[in-house]
N, C-alpha and C. Protein backbone atom coordinates (compact mmCIF):
# COMPACT_ATOMS: atom_id res chain seq x y z
N MET A 1 16.90 13.23 -11.09
CA MET A 1 16.03 12.72 -10.77
C MET A 1 14.90 13.77 -10.75
N TRP A 2 13.98 13.62 -11.08
CA TRP A 2 12.66 14.79 -11.90
C TRP A 2 11.99 15.04 -10.38
N GLU A 3 12.35 16.59 -10.28
CA GLU A 3 11.59 17.23 -9.34
C GLU A 3 10.27 18.23 -10.11
N ASN A 4 9.60 18.25 -8.63
CA ASN A 4 8.35 18.80 -9.03
C ASN A 4 8.40 20.22 -8.49
N LYS A 5 7.59 21.14 -8.69
CA LYS A 5 8.00 22.57 -7.89
C LYS A 5 6.80 22.74 -6.78
N ASP A 6 6.11 21.78 -6.60
CA ASP A 6 4.79 21.46 -5.59
C ASP A 6 5.63 20.75 -4.44
N ILE A 7 6.52 20.21 -4.61
CA ILE A 7 7.31 19.28 -3.62
C ILE A 7 7.89 20.01 -2.88
N LYS A 8 7.92 20.01 -1.41
CA LYS A 8 8.33 20.36 -0.61
C LYS A 8 9.65 20.10 0.08
N LYS A 9 10.00 18.59 -0.07
CA LYS A 9 10.81 17.64 0.31
C LYS A 9 10.80 16.56 -0.12
N ILE A 10 11.81 16.11 -0.59
CA ILE A 10 11.75 14.53 -0.85
C ILE A 10 12.03 13.82 0.02
N LEU A 11 11.39 12.61 0.35
CA LEU A 11 11.31 11.92 1.70
C LEU A 11 11.95 10.69 1.33
N ILE A 12 11.70 9.87 0.51
CA ILE A 12 12.39 8.68 0.36
C ILE A 12 12.31 8.77 -1.27
N SER A 13 13.41 8.38 -1.24
CA SER A 13 14.36 8.26 -2.86
C SER A 13 13.27 7.11 -3.80
N GLU A 14 13.53 7.05 -5.05
CA GLU A 14 13.71 5.71 -5.44
C GLU A 14 14.11 4.59 -5.17
N ASP A 15 15.62 4.90 -5.44
CA ASP A 15 16.63 3.60 -4.58
C ASP A 15 16.39 3.26 -3.62
N GLN A 16 16.11 4.29 -2.64
CA GLN A 16 15.63 3.88 -1.12
C GLN A 16 14.30 2.76 -1.17
N ILE A 17 13.25 3.09 -2.20
CA ILE A 17 12.07 2.26 -2.14
C ILE A 17 12.74 0.66 -2.80
N LYS A 18 13.70 1.06 -3.68
CA LYS A 18 13.75 -0.38 -4.25
C LYS A 18 14.62 -1.09 -3.50
N THR A 19 15.32 -0.59 -2.59
CA THR A 19 16.39 -1.43 -1.90
C THR A 19 15.20 -2.14 -1.07
N ARG A 20 14.41 -1.53 -0.24
CA ARG A 20 13.85 -1.72 0.58
C ARG A 20 12.67 -3.01 0.05
N SER A 21 11.95 -2.74 -0.88
CA SER A 21 11.32 -3.42 -1.56
C SER A 21 12.29 -5.15 -1.54
N ALA A 22 13.08 -4.87 -2.09
CA ALA A 22 14.10 -6.26 -2.27
C ALA A 22 14.09 -6.47 -0.93
N GLU A 23 14.52 -6.12 0.01
CA GLU A 23 14.30 -6.47 1.38
C GLU A 23 13.12 -7.27 1.81
N LEU A 24 12.24 -6.67 1.71
CA LEU A 24 10.87 -7.00 2.14
C LEU A 24 10.04 -8.10 1.14
N GLY A 25 10.45 -8.41 0.11
CA GLY A 25 10.29 -9.51 -0.62
C GLY A 25 11.24 -10.96 -0.55
N ARG A 26 12.79 -10.84 0.00
CA ARG A 26 13.14 -11.74 0.62
C ARG A 26 12.47 -12.02 1.89
N GLN A 27 12.25 -11.36 2.86
CA GLN A 27 11.03 -11.95 3.99
C GLN A 27 10.26 -12.53 3.73
N ILE A 28 9.20 -11.96 2.95
CA ILE A 28 7.98 -12.31 2.30
C ILE A 28 8.53 -13.73 1.89
N THR A 29 9.40 -14.10 0.84
CA THR A 29 9.81 -15.60 0.51
C THR A 29 10.28 -16.26 1.53
N GLU A 30 10.70 -15.92 2.26
CA GLU A 30 10.83 -16.76 3.66
C GLU A 30 9.84 -17.02 4.21
N ASP A 31 9.17 -16.38 4.62
CA ASP A 31 7.54 -16.38 5.80
C ASP A 31 6.69 -17.59 4.92
N TYR A 32 6.61 -17.19 3.34
CA TYR A 32 5.53 -18.28 2.95
C TYR A 32 6.28 -19.58 1.85
N LYS A 33 7.63 -19.48 2.16
CA LYS A 33 8.23 -20.66 1.37
C LYS A 33 7.72 -21.70 1.24
N ASP A 34 6.98 -22.52 2.46
CA ASP A 34 6.49 -23.84 3.01
C ASP A 34 4.73 -23.96 2.53
N CYS A 35 4.11 -22.79 1.86
CA CYS A 35 2.77 -23.20 1.74
C CYS A 35 2.58 -23.76 0.40
N GLU A 36 1.61 -24.69 0.71
CA GLU A 36 1.31 -25.33 -0.20
C GLU A 36 0.58 -24.67 -1.70
N GLU A 37 -0.58 -23.35 -1.30
CA GLU A 37 -0.74 -22.83 -2.20
C GLU A 37 -0.30 -21.62 -2.78
N PRO A 38 -0.43 -21.10 -3.94
CA PRO A 38 0.13 -19.83 -4.35
C PRO A 38 -0.57 -18.76 -3.49
N LEU A 39 0.52 -17.49 -3.01
CA LEU A 39 0.21 -16.57 -2.18
C LEU A 39 -0.69 -15.70 -3.20
N LEU A 40 -1.53 -15.32 -2.91
CA LEU A 40 -2.32 -14.00 -3.51
C LEU A 40 -2.08 -12.41 -3.13
N LEU A 41 -1.57 -12.03 -3.83
CA LEU A 41 -1.20 -10.35 -3.21
C LEU A 41 -2.30 -9.69 -3.90
N VAL A 42 -3.00 -8.75 -3.25
CA VAL A 42 -3.86 -7.83 -3.89
C VAL A 42 -3.83 -6.67 -2.94
N ALA A 43 -3.61 -6.33 -4.31
CA ALA A 43 -3.38 -4.82 -4.49
C ALA A 43 -4.67 -3.47 -4.39
N LEU A 44 -4.07 -2.51 -3.50
CA LEU A 44 -5.38 -1.86 -3.85
C LEU A 44 -5.06 -0.56 -4.41
N LEU A 45 -6.08 -0.37 -5.56
CA LEU A 45 -5.83 0.48 -6.73
C LEU A 45 -6.23 1.93 -6.04
N ARG A 46 -5.21 2.77 -6.35
CA ARG A 46 -4.64 2.64 -7.52
C ARG A 46 -3.03 2.92 -7.17
N GLY A 47 -3.15 3.29 -5.73
CA GLY A 47 -1.77 4.10 -5.27
C GLY A 47 -1.17 2.52 -5.15
N SER A 48 -1.05 1.62 -4.73
CA SER A 48 0.13 0.41 -4.26
C SER A 48 0.28 0.15 -5.81
N VAL A 49 -0.02 0.62 -6.82
CA VAL A 49 0.28 -0.32 -7.79
C VAL A 49 1.74 -0.04 -8.29
N PRO A 50 2.77 1.36 -8.23
CA PRO A 50 4.31 1.06 -8.08
C PRO A 50 4.83 0.16 -6.99
N PHE A 51 3.90 0.33 -6.36
CA PHE A 51 5.11 -0.63 -4.97
C PHE A 51 4.91 -1.85 -5.36
N LEU A 52 3.69 -2.61 -5.70
CA LEU A 52 3.29 -4.05 -5.96
C LEU A 52 4.11 -4.25 -7.29
N ALA A 53 4.46 -3.44 -8.03
CA ALA A 53 5.36 -3.86 -9.50
C ALA A 53 6.84 -3.81 -9.10
N GLU A 54 7.33 -3.66 -8.01
CA GLU A 54 8.75 -3.19 -7.45
C GLU A 54 8.51 -4.59 -6.46
N LEU A 55 7.54 -4.83 -5.78
CA LEU A 55 8.06 -5.68 -4.39
C LEU A 55 8.02 -6.96 -5.10
N MET A 56 6.61 -7.42 -6.46
CA MET A 56 6.62 -8.48 -6.90
C MET A 56 7.75 -9.26 -7.46
N LYS A 57 9.00 -8.53 -7.82
CA LYS A 57 9.89 -8.91 -8.56
C LYS A 57 10.72 -9.35 -7.74
N HIS A 58 10.86 -9.07 -6.54
CA HIS A 58 11.75 -9.67 -5.51
C HIS A 58 10.73 -10.42 -4.60
N ILE A 59 9.64 -11.57 -4.74
CA ILE A 59 9.32 -12.38 -4.18
C ILE A 59 9.31 -13.64 -5.27
N ASP A 60 10.02 -14.34 -4.27
CA ASP A 60 10.69 -15.53 -5.01
C ASP A 60 9.81 -17.14 -4.92
N LEU A 61 8.32 -16.94 -5.30
CA LEU A 61 7.77 -17.82 -5.04
C LEU A 61 6.23 -17.86 -6.21
N ASP A 62 5.69 -18.69 -5.88
CA ASP A 62 4.32 -18.96 -7.15
C ASP A 62 3.59 -17.96 -6.48
N ILE A 63 3.15 -16.53 -6.91
CA ILE A 63 2.39 -15.92 -6.70
C ILE A 63 0.95 -15.66 -7.82
N GLN A 64 -0.04 -15.16 -7.29
CA GLN A 64 -0.78 -14.27 -8.15
C GLN A 64 -1.46 -13.09 -8.02
N VAL A 65 -2.06 -12.41 -8.55
CA VAL A 65 -2.25 -10.99 -8.34
C VAL A 65 -3.50 -10.80 -8.32
N ASP A 66 -4.28 -9.92 -7.62
CA ASP A 66 -5.70 -9.37 -7.65
C ASP A 66 -5.81 -7.93 -7.14
N PHE A 67 -6.80 -7.11 -7.75
CA PHE A 67 -7.15 -5.99 -7.12
C PHE A 67 -8.50 -5.85 -6.37
N MET A 68 -8.19 -4.58 -6.14
CA MET A 68 -9.28 -4.03 -5.24
C MET A 68 -9.33 -2.63 -5.32
N ASP A 69 -10.63 -2.13 -5.70
CA ASP A 69 -10.42 -0.60 -6.00
C ASP A 69 -11.32 -0.06 -4.37
N VAL A 70 -10.85 0.57 -3.33
CA VAL A 70 -11.65 0.78 -2.37
C VAL A 70 -11.34 2.46 -1.98
N SER A 71 -12.20 3.42 -1.56
CA SER A 71 -11.90 5.01 -1.86
C SER A 71 -12.66 4.73 -0.25
N SER A 72 -11.47 6.05 0.33
CA SER A 72 -11.47 6.42 1.48
C SER A 72 -11.19 7.96 1.57
N TYR A 73 -10.46 8.59 0.70
CA TYR A 73 -10.07 9.91 0.69
C TYR A 73 -10.55 10.75 -0.51
N GLN A 74 -10.52 11.89 0.03
CA GLN A 74 -11.72 12.94 -0.81
C GLN A 74 -10.34 14.14 -0.71
N GLY A 75 -9.28 14.44 -1.37
CA GLY A 75 -8.78 15.56 -1.29
C GLY A 75 -7.80 15.02 0.01
N THR A 76 -7.53 15.76 1.18
CA THR A 76 -6.92 15.46 2.30
C THR A 76 -7.69 14.95 3.11
N LYS A 77 -8.83 14.74 3.36
CA LYS A 77 -9.84 14.22 4.19
C LYS A 77 -9.74 12.55 3.94
N SER A 78 -10.08 12.11 5.35
CA SER A 78 -10.53 10.29 5.10
C SER A 78 -11.89 10.56 5.18
N THR A 79 -12.51 9.92 4.66
CA THR A 79 -14.23 9.57 4.66
C THR A 79 -14.36 8.40 4.81
N ASP A 80 -15.67 7.91 4.38
CA ASP A 80 -16.23 6.62 4.43
C ASP A 80 -15.53 5.77 3.68
N ILE A 81 -15.66 4.43 3.80
CA ILE A 81 -15.12 3.58 3.14
C ILE A 81 -15.85 2.96 1.83
N ARG A 82 -15.35 2.92 0.72
CA ARG A 82 -16.36 2.65 -0.65
C ARG A 82 -15.50 1.43 -1.38
N ILE A 83 -16.17 0.14 -1.05
CA ILE A 83 -15.81 -0.87 -2.29
C ILE A 83 -16.07 -0.64 -3.55
N ILE A 84 -15.50 -0.07 -4.71
CA ILE A 84 -15.64 0.27 -6.07
C ILE A 84 -15.38 -0.89 -7.25
N LYS A 85 -14.18 -1.43 -6.85
CA LYS A 85 -13.96 -2.69 -7.34
C LYS A 85 -13.60 -4.17 -6.60
N ASP A 86 -14.28 -4.95 -6.67
CA ASP A 86 -13.99 -6.11 -5.79
C ASP A 86 -12.93 -6.92 -6.92
N LEU A 87 -12.81 -8.17 -5.84
CA LEU A 87 -11.93 -9.03 -6.49
C LEU A 87 -12.27 -10.26 -7.68
N ASP A 88 -11.53 -10.27 -8.80
CA ASP A 88 -11.98 -11.32 -9.52
C ASP A 88 -11.87 -12.78 -9.08
N THR A 89 -11.07 -12.85 -8.48
CA THR A 89 -10.57 -14.17 -7.73
C THR A 89 -11.22 -14.81 -6.24
N SER A 90 -11.97 -16.29 -6.52
CA SER A 90 -12.60 -16.47 -5.33
C SER A 90 -10.79 -16.76 -4.04
N ILE A 91 -11.23 -16.14 -3.01
CA ILE A 91 -9.96 -16.55 -2.32
C ILE A 91 -10.28 -17.44 -1.14
N GLN A 92 -11.31 -18.46 -1.44
CA GLN A 92 -11.44 -19.28 -0.45
C GLN A 92 -10.29 -19.92 0.29
N GLY A 93 -10.11 -20.44 1.47
CA GLY A 93 -8.46 -20.93 1.84
C GLY A 93 -7.30 -20.05 1.21
N MET A 94 -7.63 -19.23 0.96
CA MET A 94 -6.10 -18.81 0.05
C MET A 94 -5.29 -17.81 1.44
N ASN A 95 -4.00 -17.70 1.44
CA ASN A 95 -3.17 -16.76 1.98
C ASN A 95 -3.03 -15.22 1.05
N ILE A 96 -3.49 -14.37 1.66
CA ILE A 96 -3.49 -13.01 1.07
C ILE A 96 -2.70 -12.74 1.78
N LEU A 97 -1.73 -11.60 1.11
CA LEU A 97 -1.01 -10.76 1.17
C LEU A 97 -1.79 -9.22 0.47
N LEU A 98 -2.05 -8.54 1.25
CA LEU A 98 -2.69 -7.36 1.02
C LEU A 98 -1.28 -6.10 0.94
N VAL A 99 -1.55 -5.59 -0.22
CA VAL A 99 -0.55 -4.69 -0.41
C VAL A 99 -0.97 -3.49 -0.83
N GLU A 100 -0.45 -2.14 0.33
CA GLU A 100 -1.15 -0.98 0.60
C GLU A 100 -0.18 -0.37 0.26
N ASP A 101 -0.25 1.38 -0.11
CA ASP A 101 0.86 2.09 -0.36
C ASP A 101 1.01 2.64 0.94
N ILE A 102 0.04 3.32 1.85
CA ILE A 102 0.40 4.13 2.99
C ILE A 102 -0.75 3.44 4.02
N ILE A 103 -0.66 3.08 5.28
CA ILE A 103 -1.36 2.95 6.70
C ILE A 103 -1.36 4.40 6.86
N ASP A 104 -2.50 5.27 6.82
CA ASP A 104 -2.64 6.20 7.81
C ASP A 104 -3.69 6.00 9.00
N THR A 105 -4.68 6.05 8.78
CA THR A 105 -6.18 6.20 9.77
C THR A 105 -6.19 5.08 10.44
N GLY A 106 -5.84 4.10 9.09
CA GLY A 106 -6.19 2.39 9.48
C GLY A 106 -7.58 1.93 9.20
N LYS A 107 -8.62 2.78 8.55
CA LYS A 107 -9.70 2.87 8.75
C LYS A 107 -10.06 1.66 7.69
N THR A 108 -9.22 2.41 6.35
CA THR A 108 -9.44 1.26 4.98
C THR A 108 -9.02 0.15 4.86
N ILE A 109 -7.50 -0.09 5.59
CA ILE A 109 -7.38 -1.35 5.50
C ILE A 109 -7.66 -2.22 6.49
N LYS A 110 -8.29 -1.51 7.63
CA LYS A 110 -8.92 -2.60 8.54
C LYS A 110 -10.27 -3.22 8.04
N GLU A 111 -11.05 -2.34 7.88
CA GLU A 111 -12.23 -3.12 6.44
C GLU A 111 -11.84 -3.52 5.51
N VAL A 112 -10.71 -3.65 4.80
CA VAL A 112 -10.38 -4.27 3.84
C VAL A 112 -10.23 -5.85 4.41
N VAL A 113 -9.47 -6.01 5.60
CA VAL A 113 -8.81 -7.36 6.01
C VAL A 113 -10.24 -7.86 6.50
N LYS A 114 -10.68 -7.24 7.04
CA LYS A 114 -12.15 -7.96 7.78
C LYS A 114 -13.37 -8.67 6.48
N THR A 115 -12.86 -7.97 5.08
CA THR A 115 -14.05 -8.10 4.10
C THR A 115 -13.16 -9.46 3.61
N LEU A 116 -11.99 -9.25 3.72
CA LEU A 116 -11.35 -10.56 3.47
C LEU A 116 -11.30 -11.68 3.98
N LYS A 117 -11.39 -11.80 5.12
CA LYS A 117 -11.30 -12.66 5.96
C LYS A 117 -13.16 -13.52 5.95
N HIS A 118 -13.94 -12.28 5.35
CA HIS A 118 -15.39 -12.64 6.20
C HIS A 118 -15.82 -13.24 4.31
N LYS A 119 -14.96 -13.35 3.55
CA LYS A 119 -14.54 -14.01 1.95
C LYS A 119 -14.38 -15.36 2.35
N GLY A 120 -13.65 -15.95 3.03
CA GLY A 120 -12.84 -17.24 3.55
C GLY A 120 -11.20 -17.35 3.39
N ALA A 121 -10.42 -16.12 3.38
CA ALA A 121 -9.28 -16.26 3.22
C ALA A 121 -8.72 -17.15 4.17
N ASN A 122 -7.70 -17.75 4.11
CA ASN A 122 -7.00 -18.56 4.95
C ASN A 122 -6.31 -17.60 6.08
N SER A 123 -5.45 -16.65 5.70
CA SER A 123 -5.20 -15.83 6.45
C SER A 123 -4.88 -14.59 5.55
N VAL A 124 -4.64 -13.44 6.17
CA VAL A 124 -4.56 -11.92 5.28
C VAL A 124 -3.62 -11.32 6.43
N LYS A 125 -2.37 -10.77 5.49
CA LYS A 125 -1.37 -10.43 6.21
C LYS A 125 -1.37 -9.20 5.35
N ILE A 126 -0.80 -7.83 5.94
CA ILE A 126 -0.35 -6.66 5.31
C ILE A 126 1.09 -6.46 4.82
N VAL A 127 1.10 -5.50 3.41
CA VAL A 127 2.57 -5.24 3.48
C VAL A 127 2.54 -3.46 2.84
N ALA A 128 2.93 -2.67 3.64
CA ALA A 128 2.96 -1.66 3.18
C ALA A 128 3.72 -0.46 3.05
N LEU A 129 4.00 0.19 2.06
CA LEU A 129 5.05 0.79 2.12
C LEU A 129 5.32 1.89 2.75
N LEU A 130 4.36 2.61 3.07
CA LEU A 130 4.36 3.58 3.96
C LEU A 130 3.54 3.48 5.41
N ASN A 131 4.09 3.44 6.30
CA ASN A 131 3.05 3.80 7.99
C ASN A 131 3.11 4.83 8.69
N LYS A 132 2.18 5.72 8.51
CA LYS A 132 2.06 6.59 9.12
C LYS A 132 1.09 6.66 10.49
N PRO A 133 2.09 6.04 11.64
CA PRO A 133 1.45 5.64 13.07
C PRO A 133 0.74 7.11 13.66
N GLU A 134 1.00 8.33 13.36
CA GLU A 134 0.37 9.52 14.04
C GLU A 134 -0.91 9.78 13.62
N GLY A 135 -1.61 9.13 12.03
CA GLY A 135 -2.54 9.50 11.95
C GLY A 135 -3.25 8.19 12.25
N ARG A 136 -3.04 7.22 12.92
CA ARG A 136 -4.27 5.96 13.30
C ARG A 136 -5.15 6.53 13.88
N MET A 137 -6.68 5.77 13.49
CA MET A 137 -7.81 6.37 13.93
C MET A 137 -8.56 5.09 14.68
N VAL A 138 -7.43 3.92 14.00
CA VAL A 138 -8.14 2.21 14.51
C VAL A 138 -6.89 1.53 14.86
N ASP A 139 -7.04 0.51 15.76
CA ASP A 139 -5.69 -0.31 15.85
C ASP A 139 -5.45 -1.10 14.81
N VAL A 140 -4.53 -1.31 13.75
CA VAL A 140 -4.28 -2.06 12.77
C VAL A 140 -2.26 -1.64 12.27
N ASN A 141 -2.05 -2.43 12.38
CA ASN A 141 -0.49 -2.56 11.80
C ASN A 141 -0.16 -3.31 10.61
N ALA A 142 0.92 -2.81 10.22
CA ALA A 142 1.37 -3.67 8.78
C ALA A 142 2.03 -4.90 9.36
N ASP A 143 1.98 -6.08 8.53
CA ASP A 143 3.23 -7.12 9.09
C ASP A 143 4.26 -7.00 8.50
N TYR A 144 4.40 -6.39 7.54
CA TYR A 144 5.81 -5.87 6.75
C TYR A 144 5.61 -4.40 6.31
N ASN A 145 6.55 -3.59 6.81
CA ASN A 145 6.76 -2.09 6.58
C ASN A 145 7.91 -1.73 6.04
N GLY A 146 7.36 -1.08 5.20
CA GLY A 146 8.59 -0.45 4.17
C GLY A 146 9.27 0.56 5.22
N PHE A 147 8.25 1.81 5.23
CA PHE A 147 8.91 2.91 6.06
C PHE A 147 8.22 3.50 6.88
N GLU A 148 8.57 4.01 7.98
CA GLU A 148 7.80 4.58 8.70
C GLU A 148 7.67 6.26 8.51
N ILE A 149 6.71 6.91 8.37
CA ILE A 149 6.87 8.81 8.29
C ILE A 149 6.40 8.92 9.16
N GLU A 150 6.55 10.45 9.36
CA GLU A 150 5.84 11.45 10.25
C GLU A 150 4.17 11.99 9.27
N ASN A 151 3.74 12.52 10.59
CA ASN A 151 2.46 12.72 9.80
C ASN A 151 2.64 14.49 9.05
N GLU A 152 2.75 13.73 7.41
CA GLU A 152 3.13 14.86 6.77
C GLU A 152 2.27 14.20 5.18
N PHE A 153 1.86 15.36 4.40
CA PHE A 153 0.73 14.84 3.59
C PHE A 153 1.85 14.24 2.28
N VAL A 154 1.81 13.35 2.12
CA VAL A 154 2.83 13.03 0.99
C VAL A 154 1.91 12.27 -0.36
N VAL A 155 3.40 12.18 -1.40
CA VAL A 155 2.59 12.20 -2.70
C VAL A 155 4.02 11.44 -3.48
N GLY A 156 3.52 10.95 -4.64
CA GLY A 156 4.51 10.21 -5.20
C GLY A 156 4.58 8.93 -5.29
N TYR A 157 5.25 7.98 -6.12
CA TYR A 157 5.10 6.42 -6.19
C TYR A 157 3.74 5.93 -6.23
N GLY A 158 3.21 6.35 -6.44
CA GLY A 158 1.43 5.95 -6.69
C GLY A 158 0.31 6.86 -5.55
N LEU A 159 1.07 7.49 -4.44
CA LEU A 159 0.41 8.06 -3.91
C LEU A 159 -0.41 9.60 -4.68
N ASP A 160 -1.49 10.29 -4.31
CA ASP A 160 -1.54 10.97 -5.17
C ASP A 160 -2.43 12.27 -3.86
N PHE A 161 -2.70 13.19 -4.77
CA PHE A 161 -3.60 14.18 -4.31
C PHE A 161 -4.75 14.72 -5.30
N ASN A 162 -5.73 13.99 -5.06
CA ASN A 162 -6.57 14.47 -6.48
C ASN A 162 -6.33 14.13 -7.57
N GLN A 163 -5.91 12.63 -7.54
CA GLN A 163 -5.26 12.27 -9.11
C GLN A 163 -4.09 12.67 -9.50
N ARG A 164 -3.13 13.33 -8.81
CA ARG A 164 -2.10 14.35 -9.08
C ARG A 164 -1.09 13.69 -8.36
N TYR A 165 0.23 13.82 -9.03
CA TYR A 165 1.47 13.31 -8.29
C TYR A 165 1.53 12.38 -8.45
N ARG A 166 1.20 11.06 -8.88
CA ARG A 166 0.95 9.79 -8.69
C ARG A 166 2.50 9.32 -9.01
N CYS A 167 2.72 10.19 -10.28
CA CYS A 167 3.78 9.27 -11.25
C CYS A 167 5.17 9.61 -10.84
N LEU A 168 5.34 10.25 -9.86
CA LEU A 168 6.72 10.94 -8.89
C LEU A 168 7.36 9.44 -9.04
N PRO A 169 8.83 9.59 -9.11
CA PRO A 169 9.45 7.76 -8.82
C PRO A 169 9.98 8.26 -7.53
N TYR A 170 9.52 9.18 -6.56
CA TYR A 170 9.98 9.22 -5.12
C TYR A 170 8.72 9.73 -4.30
N VAL A 171 9.07 9.71 -2.91
CA VAL A 171 7.95 9.85 -2.02
C VAL A 171 8.33 11.25 -1.45
N GLY A 172 7.70 12.00 -2.02
CA GLY A 172 7.87 13.62 -1.29
C GLY A 172 6.85 14.17 -0.49
N VAL A 173 6.88 15.04 0.23
CA VAL A 173 5.84 16.05 1.04
C VAL A 173 5.69 17.03 0.07
N LEU A 174 4.04 17.19 0.16
CA LEU A 174 3.73 18.10 -0.64
C LEU A 174 3.15 19.60 0.15
N LYS A 175 3.95 20.46 -0.63
CA LYS A 175 3.56 21.94 -0.02
C LYS A 175 2.26 22.55 0.19
N GLU A 176 2.24 22.55 1.48
CA GLU A 176 0.92 22.84 1.86
C GLU A 176 -0.45 23.70 1.39
N GLU A 177 0.20 25.07 0.36
CA GLU A 177 -0.49 25.79 -0.52
C GLU A 177 -0.82 25.00 -1.39
N CYS A 178 -0.67 23.92 -2.00
CA CYS A 178 -1.04 22.93 -2.59
C CYS A 178 -2.24 22.35 -2.72
N TYR A 179 -2.38 22.23 -1.20
CA TYR A 179 -3.69 21.41 -0.90
C TYR A 179 -4.49 22.69 -0.05
N GLN A 180 -4.04 23.29 0.90
CA GLN A 180 -4.97 23.74 1.14
C GLN A 180 -5.71 25.39 0.77
N ASN A 181 -6.99 25.24 1.26
CA ASN A 181 -8.21 26.76 0.33
C ASN A 181 -8.48 27.63 1.13
């Protein structure tokens, strides 16, 4: 496994992520197997892309994929939510599964769910690789959770700090000296 000197500890290994993604994929397949319309996976750029790529291999359904780019972080601080790239697909009457890397404050995901429902989605559910309930500022929960984590600053497997560390094949805790000034 590729090590990085800035990582305090590996929290979740690549094998654990693959195993959990397969479990989630089976559950999602079961839950949506009777839907007539294809399931639309909406991934939030950029952090959710590795999780999306792994998860969709394990969903045995006719699925479609689209992306939104929503920004709410600058460094380690949660800021106002901005939609940078909206969907290319009309979602009127569709079942949406929102794919997220981490639910922390909940502010971003709550705003995105509200937006998707306003655009006419039939249903909007959330699948998150990581759930950090201690960081919650608004009431929102994923319908499908990969892993619940403590209130630590994590990177890897798509998660970043100022666009760094996304390519790590695991989720790790970033050393404090890497992000404290």
